[in-house]
């Protein structure tokens, strides 16, 4: 649904085991950029670029 010459941008976690969230949360566990690029190309997009742009360190509280 992009206009010709349009951009798609998003941010998410890289693939991880789910340890970033609380143990009982059912969440999407990130993505692998190379696999996502293949899917986007298969969907007709081109000039696919990705980069590591920010990192959050989660410090778990001790109970």
Protein backbone atom coordinates (compact mmCIF):
# COMPACT_ATOMS: atom_id res chain seq x y z
CA UNK A 1 0.00 0.00 0.00
CA UNK A 2 3.02 2.28 -0.41
CA UNK A 3 2.93 5.02 -2.98
CA UNK A 4 5.56 4.71 -5.71
CA UNK A 5 8.83 5.94 -4.20
CA UNK A 6 7.38 5.65 -0.70
CA UNK A 7 9.28 4.50 2.39
CA UNK A 8 8.58 1.85 4.98
CA UNK A 9 10.41 2.25 8.28
CA UNK A 10 10.06 0.39 11.55
CA UNK A 11 12.03 -0.58 14.62
CA UNK A 12 11.88 -3.78 16.64
CA UNK A 13 14.06 -6.19 18.54
CA UNK A 14 16.50 -8.46 16.82
CA UNK A 15 15.52 -12.10 17.32
CA UNK A 16 15.83 -13.07 20.98
CA UNK A 17 14.49 -15.77 23.31
CA UNK A 18 11.90 -13.56 25.01
CA UNK A 19 14.03 -12.55 27.98
CA UNK A 20 13.56 -8.82 27.29
CA UNK A 21 9.94 -8.98 28.51
CA UNK A 22 8.34 -10.40 31.63
CA UNK A 23 8.32 -14.24 31.74
CA UNK A 24 4.55 -14.64 31.22
CA UNK A 25 4.18 -12.11 28.39
CA UNK A 26 3.24 -13.53 25.01
CA UNK A 27 5.12 -11.27 22.62
CA UNK A 28 6.71 -11.29 19.19
CA UNK A 29 10.38 -12.11 19.79
CA UNK A 30 11.98 -9.78 17.27
CA UNK A 31 13.19 -10.41 13.75
CA UNK A 32 16.27 -11.47 11.85
CA UNK A 33 17.10 -8.62 9.40
CA UNK A 34 18.33 -10.87 6.56
CA UNK A 35 15.13 -12.96 6.67
CA UNK A 36 12.96 -9.87 6.82
CA UNK A 37 14.81 -8.42 3.81
CA UNK A 38 14.05 -11.57 1.81
CA UNK A 39 10.34 -11.30 2.67
CA UNK A 40 10.20 -7.62 1.71
CA UNK A 41 11.91 -8.29 -1.63
CA UNK A 42 9.48 -11.17 -2.28
CA UNK A 43 6.68 -8.67 -1.59
CA UNK A 44 7.94 -6.36 -4.32
CA UNK A 45 9.96 -3.84 -2.32
CA UNK A 46 13.51 -2.92 -3.26
CA UNK A 47 16.49 -0.90 -1.99
CA UNK A 48 16.14 -2.65 1.36
CA UNK A 49 18.47 -1.28 4.03
CA UNK A 50 18.74 -2.09 7.70
CA UNK A 51 21.04 -1.03 10.50
CA UNK A 52 21.47 -1.29 14.22
CA UNK A 53 20.31 2.14 15.37
CA UNK A 54 19.68 1.89 19.13
CA UNK A 55 20.12 -0.53 22.00
CA UNK A 56 18.26 -0.72 25.29
CA UNK A 57 19.79 -2.59 28.20
CA UNK A 58 17.10 -3.96 30.50
CA UNK A 59 18.17 -4.18 34.13
CA UNK A 60 16.04 -6.73 35.96
CA UNK A 61 14.99 -5.83 39.47
CA UNK A 62 15.97 -8.23 42.23
CA UNK A 63 12.97 -9.34 44.28
